[in-house]
Amino acid sequence: MSNFDRLVRFIVAILLLSLFFLGEIRGLIGIVLIAISFMFAFASITAFCPFYKSVNFNTNNKDDYI
């Protein structure tokens, strides 16, 4: 997972959490978005995305670092 991908996931997680705690998102959709934000935060902190692994997708192109 590239650093840009990690940063975007972290920003989206913070945005979703803030929308929930500010009261803009409520109910079942709010709970689902909280779960998604926790998954995004986990993926951005650990640099491991189970979905990417299951579909064999990689955003970290090693040719960019040579």
N, C-alpha and C. Protein backbone atom coordinates (compact mmCIF):
# COMPACT_ATOMS: atom_id res chain seq x y z
N MET A 1 0.85 -1.16 0.00
CA MET A 1 0.00 0.00 0.00
C MET A 1 0.90 1.23 0.00
N SER A 2 0.65 2.14 -0.92
CA SER A 2 1.49 3.33 -1.04
C SER A 2 1.16 4.33 0.08
N ASN A 3 2.09 5.24 0.30
CA ASN A 3 1.88 6.25 1.34
C ASN A 3 0.70 7.16 1.01
N PHE A 4 0.51 7.48 -0.26
CA PHE A 4 -0.62 8.31 -0.66
C PHE A 4 -1.94 7.61 -0.34
N ASP A 5 -2.01 6.33 -0.63
CA ASP A 5 -3.20 5.54 -0.35
C ASP A 5 -3.48 5.51 1.15
N ARG A 6 -2.44 5.35 1.95
CA ARG A 6 -2.59 5.34 3.40
C ARG A 6 -3.08 6.69 3.90
N LEU A 7 -2.56 7.78 3.36
CA LEU A 7 -2.96 9.11 3.78
C LEU A 7 -4.42 9.38 3.43
N VAL A 8 -4.83 9.00 2.24
CA VAL A 8 -6.22 9.21 1.82
C VAL A 8 -7.17 8.41 2.71
N ARG A 9 -6.83 7.18 3.01
CA ARG A 9 -7.67 6.36 3.88
C ARG A 9 -7.79 6.97 5.28
N PHE A 10 -6.70 7.49 5.80
CA PHE A 10 -6.72 8.09 7.13
C PHE A 10 -7.58 9.35 7.14
N ILE A 11 -7.45 10.17 6.12
CA ILE A 11 -8.25 11.40 6.04
C ILE A 11 -9.74 11.07 5.92
N VAL A 12 -10.08 10.07 5.12
CA VAL A 12 -11.48 9.67 4.98
C VAL A 12 -12.02 9.13 6.31
N ALA A 13 -11.20 8.37 7.02
CA ALA A 13 -11.63 7.84 8.32
C ALA A 13 -11.90 8.97 9.31
N ILE A 14 -11.01 9.96 9.36
CA ILE A 14 -11.21 11.11 10.25
C ILE A 14 -12.46 11.89 9.85
N LEU A 15 -12.67 12.07 8.56
CA LEU A 15 -13.84 12.79 8.08
C LEU A 15 -15.14 12.08 8.46
N LEU A 16 -15.19 10.76 8.26
CA LEU A 16 -16.39 10.00 8.61
C LEU A 16 -16.66 10.03 10.11
N LEU A 17 -15.61 9.89 10.91
CA LEU A 17 -15.79 9.95 12.36
C LEU A 17 -16.28 11.32 12.81
N SER A 18 -15.72 12.36 12.23
CA SER A 18 -16.15 13.70 12.63
C SER A 18 -17.60 13.97 12.22
N LEU A 19 -18.01 13.50 11.05
CA LEU A 19 -19.40 13.66 10.64
C LEU A 19 -20.36 12.94 11.59
N PHE A 20 -19.94 11.77 12.05
CA PHE A 20 -20.79 11.02 12.98
C PHE A 20 -20.89 11.74 14.32
N PHE A 21 -19.76 12.18 14.86
CA PHE A 21 -19.78 12.81 16.18
C PHE A 21 -20.34 14.22 16.16
N LEU A 22 -20.38 14.86 15.02
CA LEU A 22 -21.03 16.16 14.92
C LEU A 22 -22.54 16.04 14.71
N GLY A 23 -23.01 14.82 14.48
CA GLY A 23 -24.44 14.58 14.35
C GLY A 23 -24.97 14.71 12.94
N GLU A 24 -24.10 14.83 11.97
CA GLU A 24 -24.55 14.93 10.58
C GLU A 24 -25.02 13.58 10.03
N ILE A 25 -24.49 12.50 10.54
CA ILE A 25 -24.85 11.16 10.10
C ILE A 25 -25.38 10.42 11.32
N ARG A 26 -26.58 9.85 11.20
CA ARG A 26 -27.21 9.17 12.33
C ARG A 26 -27.73 7.80 11.91
N GLY A 27 -28.12 7.04 12.90
CA GLY A 27 -28.80 5.77 12.67
C GLY A 27 -27.91 4.67 12.16
N LEU A 28 -28.53 3.77 11.40
CA LEU A 28 -27.84 2.60 10.89
C LEU A 28 -26.73 2.99 9.92
N ILE A 29 -26.97 3.97 9.09
CA ILE A 29 -25.94 4.41 8.14
C ILE A 29 -24.73 4.96 8.90
N GLY A 30 -24.99 5.66 9.99
CA GLY A 30 -23.90 6.17 10.81
C GLY A 30 -23.05 5.06 11.40
N ILE A 31 -23.70 4.02 11.87
CA ILE A 31 -22.97 2.88 12.44
C ILE A 31 -22.16 2.17 11.37
N VAL A 32 -22.75 2.01 10.20
CA VAL A 32 -22.01 1.37 9.09
C VAL A 32 -20.81 2.22 8.69
N LEU A 33 -20.98 3.53 8.62
CA LEU A 33 -19.86 4.40 8.26
C LEU A 33 -18.78 4.43 9.34
N ILE A 34 -19.17 4.26 10.61
CA ILE A 34 -18.19 4.15 11.69
C ILE A 34 -17.37 2.89 11.50
N ALA A 35 -18.02 1.78 11.17
CA ALA A 35 -17.29 0.53 10.94
C ALA A 35 -16.33 0.68 9.76
N ILE A 36 -16.78 1.32 8.70
CA ILE A 36 -15.91 1.54 7.54
C ILE A 36 -14.73 2.44 7.91
N SER A 37 -14.98 3.45 8.72
CA SER A 37 -13.89 4.35 9.11
C SER A 37 -12.86 3.63 9.96
N PHE A 38 -13.31 2.70 10.83
CA PHE A 38 -12.35 1.92 11.61
C PHE A 38 -11.52 1.00 10.71
N MET A 39 -12.15 0.44 9.69
CA MET A 39 -11.40 -0.41 8.75
C MET A 39 -10.38 0.43 7.98
N PHE A 40 -10.78 1.63 7.55
CA PHE A 40 -9.85 2.52 6.85
C PHE A 40 -8.69 2.92 7.75
N ALA A 41 -8.99 3.25 9.02
CA ALA A 41 -7.94 3.64 9.95
C ALA A 41 -6.98 2.48 10.21
N PHE A 42 -7.52 1.27 10.38
CA PHE A 42 -6.68 0.09 10.57
C PHE A 42 -5.77 -0.13 9.37
N ALA A 43 -6.34 -0.03 8.18
CA ALA A 43 -5.55 -0.24 6.96
C ALA A 43 -4.49 0.83 6.79
N SER A 44 -4.79 2.06 7.15
CA SER A 44 -3.80 3.11 6.97
C SER A 44 -2.68 3.03 8.00
N ILE A 45 -2.99 2.60 9.21
CA ILE A 45 -1.96 2.50 10.25
C ILE A 45 -1.07 1.29 10.03
N THR A 46 -1.64 0.15 9.67
CA THR A 46 -0.86 -1.08 9.53
C THR A 46 -0.32 -1.30 8.12
N ALA A 47 -0.78 -0.51 7.14
CA ALA A 47 -0.39 -0.66 5.74
C ALA A 47 -0.76 -2.04 5.19
N PHE A 48 -1.85 -2.59 5.71
CA PHE A 48 -2.36 -3.87 5.24
C PHE A 48 -3.85 -3.75 5.01
N CYS A 49 -4.28 -4.05 3.81
CA CYS A 49 -5.70 -4.00 3.48
C CYS A 49 -6.14 -5.41 3.09
N PRO A 50 -7.00 -6.03 3.90
CA PRO A 50 -7.45 -7.39 3.57
C PRO A 50 -8.15 -7.48 2.22
N PHE A 51 -8.89 -6.45 1.83
CA PHE A 51 -9.56 -6.48 0.53
C PHE A 51 -8.53 -6.49 -0.60
N TYR A 52 -7.49 -5.65 -0.51
CA TYR A 52 -6.45 -5.64 -1.53
C TYR A 52 -5.77 -7.00 -1.61
N LYS A 53 -5.53 -7.63 -0.47
CA LYS A 53 -4.87 -8.93 -0.44
C LYS A 53 -5.76 -10.00 -1.08
N SER A 54 -7.07 -9.93 -0.84
CA SER A 54 -7.96 -10.96 -1.38
C SER A 54 -8.11 -10.87 -2.89
N VAL A 55 -8.00 -9.67 -3.47
CA VAL A 55 -8.11 -9.53 -4.92
C VAL A 55 -6.75 -9.36 -5.59
N ASN A 56 -5.67 -9.50 -4.80
CA ASN A 56 -4.30 -9.42 -5.30
C ASN A 56 -4.04 -8.08 -6.01
N PHE A 57 -4.38 -6.99 -5.33
CA PHE A 57 -4.22 -5.64 -5.84
C PHE A 57 -3.11 -4.95 -5.06
N ASN A 58 -2.23 -4.21 -5.75
CA ASN A 58 -1.11 -3.56 -5.10
C ASN A 58 -0.98 -2.13 -5.61
N THR A 59 -0.96 -1.15 -4.70
CA THR A 59 -0.80 0.25 -5.08
C THR A 59 0.62 0.72 -4.92
N ASN A 60 1.49 -0.12 -4.40
CA ASN A 60 2.87 0.24 -4.19
C ASN A 60 3.71 -0.27 -5.36
N ASN A 61 3.91 0.58 -6.35
CA ASN A 61 4.65 0.19 -7.53
C ASN A 61 6.14 0.34 -7.26
N LYS A 62 6.85 -0.77 -7.24
CA LYS A 62 8.28 -0.76 -6.90
C LYS A 62 9.13 -0.06 -7.96
N ASP A 63 8.62 0.07 -9.19
CA ASP A 63 9.36 0.76 -10.23
C ASP A 63 9.49 2.25 -9.94
N ASP A 64 8.59 2.82 -9.15
CA ASP A 64 8.64 4.24 -8.82
C ASP A 64 9.81 4.57 -7.91
N TYR A 65 10.36 3.60 -7.20
CA TYR A 65 11.39 3.85 -6.22
C TYR A 65 12.79 3.56 -6.72
N ILE A 66 12.94 3.20 -7.98
CA ILE A 66 14.26 2.87 -8.51
C ILE A 66 14.87 4.09 -9.17
